[in-house]
Protein backbone atom coordinates (compact mmCIF):
# COMPACT_ATOMS: atom_id res chain seq x y z
CA PHE A 1 -8.16 -8.97 -7.73
CA GLN A 2 -6.98 -5.57 -6.55
CA TYR A 3 -3.45 -4.48 -7.36
CA GLY A 4 -1.85 -1.11 -6.82
CA PRO A 5 1.20 0.80 -5.67
CA LEU A 6 2.09 2.04 -2.22
CA ASP A 7 1.69 5.79 -2.61
CA GLN A 8 3.29 8.09 -0.03
CA GLY A 9 2.32 11.31 -1.80
CA TRP A 10 5.68 13.02 -1.41
CA TRP A 11 6.98 15.79 -3.68
CA PRO A 12 10.56 17.11 -4.04
CA ASP A 13 9.52 20.77 -3.76
CA GLY A 14 6.65 20.72 -1.26
CA LEU A 15 7.22 17.37 0.48
CA TYR A 16 3.66 16.60 1.65
CA THR A 17 2.20 19.38 -0.50
CA ALA A 18 1.70 18.80 -4.22
CA PRO A 19 2.54 21.76 -6.49
CA SER A 20 -0.93 21.87 -8.07
CA ASP A 21 -4.25 20.14 -8.56
CA GLU A 22 -2.97 18.96 -11.93
CA ALA A 23 -0.03 17.30 -10.15
CA LEU A 24 -2.42 15.37 -7.90
CA LYS A 25 -4.27 14.18 -10.98
CA PHE A 26 -1.03 13.31 -12.81
CA ASP A 27 0.00 10.57 -10.38
CA ILE A 28 -3.42 8.91 -10.56
CA VAL A 29 -3.53 9.07 -14.36
CA LYS A 30 -0.06 7.52 -14.62
CA THR A 31 -1.03 4.80 -12.17
CA LYS A 32 -4.02 3.90 -14.34
CA GLU A 33 -1.89 3.97 -17.50
CA MET A 34 0.37 1.37 -15.88
CA GLY A 35 -2.63 -0.93 -15.41
CA PHE A 36 -3.18 -0.67 -11.66
CA ASN A 37 -6.74 -0.60 -10.32
CA MET A 38 -5.99 0.47 -6.75
CA ILE A 39 -3.75 2.81 -4.74
CA ARG A 40 -2.75 2.28 -1.13
CA LYS A 41 -2.44 5.79 0.32
CA HIS A 42 0.35 5.20 2.80
CA VAL A 43 0.28 6.89 6.23
CA LYS A 44 -0.89 10.18 4.74
CA VAL A 45 -4.19 11.94 4.16
CA GLU A 46 -4.42 13.85 0.89
CA PRO A 47 -6.43 16.98 0.06
CA ALA A 48 -10.02 16.31 -0.93
CA ARG A 49 -9.14 17.01 -4.57
CA TRP A 50 -6.96 13.88 -4.72
CA TYR A 51 -9.86 11.65 -3.68
CA ALA A 52 -12.19 13.49 -6.05
CA TRP A 53 -9.81 12.67 -8.91
CA CYS A 54 -9.79 9.01 -7.84
CA ASP A 55 -13.60 9.07 -7.92
CA GLN A 56 -13.69 10.64 -11.38
CA LEU A 57 -10.90 8.56 -12.90
CA GLY A 58 -12.05 5.23 -11.47
CA MET A 59 -9.30 4.36 -8.99
CA LEU A 60 -9.88 2.32 -5.82
CA VAL A 61 -8.21 3.61 -2.64
CA TRP A 62 -6.98 1.86 0.49
CA GLN A 63 -6.57 4.59 3.12
CA ASP A 64 -4.03 4.32 5.94
CA MET A 65 -4.18 6.05 9.28
CA PRO A 66 -0.94 8.06 9.64
CA SER A 67 1.14 6.24 12.23
CA GLY A 68 1.77 7.85 15.58
CA ASP A 69 3.61 7.21 18.83
CA LEU A 70 6.71 5.07 19.08
CA GLY A 71 6.91 1.84 17.13
CA ASN A 72 5.64 -1.29 18.81
CA GLN A 73 7.78 -4.40 18.91
CA TRP A 74 7.25 -6.63 15.89
CA GLU A 75 6.75 -9.82 17.87
CA THR A 76 7.18 -12.08 14.88
CA ARG A 77 8.17 -11.57 11.29
CA PRO A 78 5.77 -11.33 9.50
CA GLY A 79 3.98 -10.87 12.81
CA ILE A 80 0.62 -12.44 12.07
CA TYR A 81 0.69 -15.62 14.09
CA GLY A 82 -1.13 -14.53 17.22
CA LYS A 83 1.97 -13.99 19.38
CA ALA A 84 1.85 -10.20 19.33
CA THR A 85 1.26 -7.84 22.21
CA ASP A 86 -0.31 -4.41 21.80
CA LYS A 87 1.57 -1.26 22.69
CA ASP A 88 0.63 0.69 25.82
CA ARG A 89 -0.01 4.24 24.67
CA SER A 90 -0.48 7.17 27.01
CA ALA A 91 -3.98 8.56 27.50
CA GLU A 92 -2.93 11.67 25.56
CA SER A 93 -1.58 9.58 22.67
CA GLU A 94 -4.67 7.37 22.56
CA THR A 95 -6.98 10.39 22.59
CA ALA A 96 -5.04 11.97 19.72
CA TYR A 97 -5.27 8.75 17.69
CA ARG A 98 -9.00 8.33 18.23
CA THR A 99 -9.74 11.99 17.49
CA GLU A 100 -7.70 12.05 14.28
CA TRP A 101 -8.88 8.67 12.95
CA ASN A 102 -12.50 9.60 13.62
CA GLU A 103 -12.04 12.91 11.79
CA ILE A 104 -10.29 11.24 8.84
CA ILE A 105 -13.10 8.73 8.34
CA LYS A 106 -15.81 11.38 8.68
CA ASP A 107 -14.03 13.77 6.30
CA LEU A 108 -13.39 11.11 3.64
CA TYR A 109 -16.57 9.06 4.08
CA ASN A 110 -18.33 10.44 1.01
CA PHE A 111 -15.57 9.58 -1.47
CA PRO A 112 -16.73 6.29 -3.05
CA SER A 113 -13.22 5.51 -4.33
CA ILE A 114 -12.20 4.54 -0.78
CA VAL A 115 -12.86 0.85 -0.24
CA VAL A 116 -10.55 -0.06 2.69
CA TRP A 117 -9.58 1.65 5.96
CA THR A 118 -6.24 0.63 7.53
CA PRO A 119 -5.85 1.62 11.21
CA PHE A 120 -2.28 0.30 11.68
CA ASN A 121 0.83 -0.35 9.61
CA GLU A 122 3.66 -2.73 10.62
CA ALA A 123 2.89 -2.44 14.34
CA TRP A 124 3.78 1.28 14.35
CA GLY A 125 1.98 2.49 17.47
CA GLN A 126 -0.38 -0.49 17.27
CA PHE A 127 -2.54 -0.58 20.40
CA LYS A 128 -5.86 -2.03 21.57
CA THR A 129 -6.11 -3.66 18.16
CA LYS A 130 -9.38 -5.53 18.63
CA GLU A 131 -11.10 -2.50 20.14
CA ILE A 132 -9.82 -0.06 17.49
CA VAL A 133 -10.74 -2.34 14.59
CA GLU A 134 -14.25 -2.99 15.89
CA TRP A 135 -14.69 0.74 16.52
CA THR A 136 -13.55 1.50 12.96
CA MET A 137 -15.94 -1.10 11.55
CA GLY A 138 -18.74 0.48 13.55
CA MET A 139 -17.96 3.97 12.26
CA ASP A 140 -18.20 2.78 8.66
CA PRO A 141 -19.86 -0.62 8.15
CA SER A 142 -19.90 -0.01 4.38
CA ARG A 143 -16.16 -0.55 3.90
CA LEU A 144 -13.62 -3.23 4.74
CA VAL A 145 -11.10 -2.66 7.53
CA ASN A 146 -7.54 -3.94 7.14
CA THR A 147 -6.63 -4.65 10.76
CA ALA A 148 -2.86 -4.15 10.62
CA SER A 149 -1.11 -4.00 7.27
CA GLY A 150 1.95 -6.17 7.75
CA GLY A 151 1.73 -5.67 11.49
CA ASN A 152 0.99 -7.75 14.54
CA PHE A 153 -2.16 -9.57 13.54
CA VAL A 154 -4.99 -10.01 16.01
CA ASN A 155 -7.97 -12.26 15.41
CA VAL A 156 -10.35 -9.51 14.34
CA GLY A 157 -11.48 -7.93 11.08
CA PRO A 158 -12.01 -9.26 7.55
CA ILE A 159 -8.42 -9.06 6.20
CA ILE A 160 -5.09 -10.80 6.85
CA ASP A 161 -2.23 -8.68 5.50
CA LEU A 162 1.43 -9.69 5.14
CA HIS A 163 4.46 -7.65 4.03
CA ASN A 164 7.40 -9.32 2.32
CA TYR A 165 10.33 -7.93 0.31
CA PRO A 166 11.12 -8.29 -2.47
CA ASP A 167 9.27 -11.46 -3.56
CA PRO A 168 5.50 -11.95 -3.35
CA VAL A 169 4.24 -14.49 -0.81
CA MET A 170 0.98 -14.89 1.11
CA PRO A 171 -0.21 -15.84 4.61
CA GLU A 172 -1.66 -19.26 5.23
CA PRO A 173 -5.18 -19.26 3.72
CA GLY A 174 -6.67 -20.93 6.81
CA LEU A 175 -5.01 -18.70 9.42
CA PHE A 176 -7.67 -17.76 12.02
CA GLY A 177 -10.30 -19.43 9.86
CA ALA A 178 -11.20 -19.27 6.20
CA ASP A 179 -13.48 -16.24 6.28
CA ARG A 180 -10.89 -13.50 5.73
CA ALA A 181 -9.47 -11.90 2.61
CA ILE A 182 -5.77 -12.65 2.14
CA VAL A 183 -3.62 -9.68 1.17
CA LEU A 184 0.03 -8.97 0.37
CA GLY A 185 0.13 -5.41 1.71
CA GLU A 186 3.68 -4.61 0.57
CA PHE A 187 6.26 -6.29 -1.65
CA GLY A 188 8.74 -5.43 -4.40
CA GLY A 189 10.60 -2.23 -3.70
CA LEU A 190 12.92 -2.77 -6.67
CA GLY A 191 15.41 0.07 -6.83
CA LEU A 192 16.85 1.95 -9.80
CA PRO A 193 18.30 5.45 -9.24
CA ILE A 194 18.14 7.49 -12.46
CA GLU A 195 21.04 9.91 -12.81
CA GLY A 196 19.87 13.51 -12.82
CA HIS A 197 16.58 12.62 -11.15
CA THR A 198 17.61 11.59 -7.62
CA TRP A 199 17.17 13.46 -4.35
CA GLN A 200 20.82 12.86 -3.46
CA SER A 201 23.85 11.81 -5.48
CA LYS A 202 24.61 8.63 -3.51
CA ASN A 203 23.23 6.23 -0.90
CA ASN A 204 19.97 5.76 -2.80
CA TRP A 205 18.44 2.38 -2.08
CA GLY A 206 15.83 -0.23 -2.89
CA TYR A 207 15.11 -3.65 -1.40
CA GLN A 208 16.94 -4.97 -4.46
CA SER A 209 18.86 -2.59 -6.72
CA PHE A 210 19.55 -2.66 -10.45
CA LYS A 211 21.87 -0.96 -12.91
CA ASN A 212 19.52 -0.32 -15.81
CA ASN A 213 15.88 -0.34 -16.93
CA ASP A 214 16.09 -3.70 -18.70
CA GLU A 215 17.34 -5.46 -15.57
CA LEU A 216 14.56 -3.83 -13.57
CA LEU A 217 11.83 -4.86 -16.02
CA ASN A 218 13.13 -8.42 -16.17
CA ARG A 219 13.06 -8.78 -12.39
CA TYR A 220 9.64 -7.11 -12.12
CA SER A 221 8.29 -9.53 -14.73
CA GLN A 222 9.61 -12.40 -12.63
CA LEU A 223 7.71 -11.09 -9.61
CA MET A 224 4.52 -10.84 -11.68
CA SER A 225 4.89 -14.43 -12.85
CA ARG A 226 4.49 -15.58 -9.23
CA PHE A 227 0.99 -14.17 -8.84
CA PRO A 228 -1.20 -16.59 -10.81
CA ASP A 229 -0.38 -19.41 -8.39
CA LEU A 230 -0.91 -17.16 -5.36
CA ILE A 231 -4.23 -15.87 -6.67
CA ALA A 232 -5.36 -19.42 -7.38
CA LYS A 233 -4.62 -20.21 -3.71
CA GLY A 234 -6.77 -17.30 -2.52
CA LEU A 235 -4.71 -14.11 -2.61
CA SER A 236 -7.16 -11.20 -3.00
CA ALA A 237 -4.94 -8.13 -3.37
CA ALA A 238 -1.33 -6.93 -3.49
CA VAL A 239 0.53 -3.64 -3.10
CA TYR A 240 3.82 -2.89 -4.86
CA THR A 241 6.30 -0.48 -3.30
CA GLN A 242 6.03 2.19 -4.72
CA THR A 243 4.56 4.89 -7.03
CA THR A 244 7.56 7.24 -7.02
CA ASP A 245 11.01 7.52 -5.54
CA VAL A 246 10.91 9.30 -2.18
CA GLU A 247 14.10 11.12 -1.19
CA SER A 248 16.73 8.37 -0.73
CA GLU A 249 14.25 5.61 -1.63
CA SER A 250 14.91 4.82 -5.30
CA ASN A 251 12.29 2.05 -5.59
CA GLY A 252 9.60 4.06 -7.34
CA LEU A 253 7.94 3.23 -10.64
CA MET A 254 8.59 6.90 -11.43
CA THR A 255 11.40 9.19 -10.37
CA TYR A 256 10.77 11.63 -7.53
CA ASP A 257 10.34 14.51 -10.00
CA ARG A 258 7.84 12.44 -12.04
CA LYS A 259 9.87 13.03 -15.21
CA GLU A 260 11.03 9.46 -15.83
CA LEU A 261 9.00 6.24 -15.88
CA LYS A 262 11.42 3.41 -15.20
CA MET A 263 9.50 0.72 -17.10
CA PRO A 264 7.22 1.17 -20.14
CA ALA A 265 3.63 1.81 -19.08
CA ALA A 266 2.27 -0.38 -21.87
CA LYS A 267 4.41 -3.32 -20.77
CA LEU A 268 3.37 -2.90 -17.14
CA LYS A 269 -0.29 -2.76 -18.16
CA GLU A 270 0.14 -5.96 -20.17
CA LEU A 271 1.65 -7.72 -17.14
CA HIS A 272 -1.02 -6.42 -14.79
CA GLN A 273 -4.01 -7.32 -16.97
CA LYS A 274 -3.12 -10.97 -16.49
CA LEU A 275 -3.77 -10.61 -12.76
CA TYR A 276 -7.38 -9.58 -13.30
CA ALA A 277 -8.44 -12.71 -15.20
CA VAL A 278 -11.25 -14.83 -13.81
CA PRO A 279 -9.78 -17.35 -11.31
CA GLY A 280 -9.11 -20.58 -13.13
CA GLN A 281 -8.32 -18.69 -16.33
CA LEU A 282 -5.17 -16.95 -15.09
CA GLN A 283 -2.40 -16.75 -17.65
CA LYS A 284 1.11 -17.57 -16.54
C-alpha cells in the first residue's frame, strides 16, 4: 500500500522556489518521519535535487503534469463513470502540452523514485485522454500512468483514481473491469491555522476546520480507521491533502513556514504503519 501527502512545493518567501537544497531535503525527511512512503508532487516539477533526495532517502514519487488551459467541465462527481467528454484545446495549447510533458518525462526518467506519471488532474485541461495516456505509456513503459487523478475517467490505463473530501472512499472495484489499481488520489484536507504561522490573518480554510491540535489529531485518527476496510476491498494507494499549508490553505501537516508540525510525527507514523500490513492482517 502506498500512502503519501499531496505536495505542492510552495514556499512563503520564494513561492515555487525553495530557499536552499537543505530546504528541499527537509520536507522529504519530515514526510518520512511521519511514516509516509510516497509523495504526490502536485502540478509542479521540482529541481533535479529534489528527486535526487527522494532517491537517496527512499521516497516514492507520483509526478503530475502541471495543468494547463482552461478547466474542462467535470461531467460527474467524482467523474469516473464514463460520461465525460474531453476538452477541445487549440492546436497551440495541445502542442505546448505535448512538448512540455515529453520534456518532463525525459528529464526525470532516470530518477528511480518516480513510480507514477499523472497526465491530468481533476479534468483541468483534460483532452484526448485515451491518446495522451497511451502516448505517455509508450514514452515510459517502465512506470504506471494514472490516467486522470480525480478527473473524468476514460477506459484506458492501469489506475482508477477518485478524489473525495474529507472522508476516504474508493471507486467501485469492478469499474471498467478488475484489472486496474484502485486509488484515492486526494482526501482529508483537515484545516488548522496556527497563529503566528499563517500567510494571512483571516480567511484561512480547510475542507474541515478545527480549533486545536487535539481535535485535529482525533479527526485524522478517525479517517485512518477507515482504511483497513478499504484496503481489504482492494484500495491500493491514497493521498492526503497536504504536506504544508499553502497561502490561505491551512490544511497542511506542517505550517507554511515549516516551523510547526500540527500532529506529533511519532503518532502519525504509528497510525500509518498499520496501513502497510499484509492484507488480511490489517489492524483496525
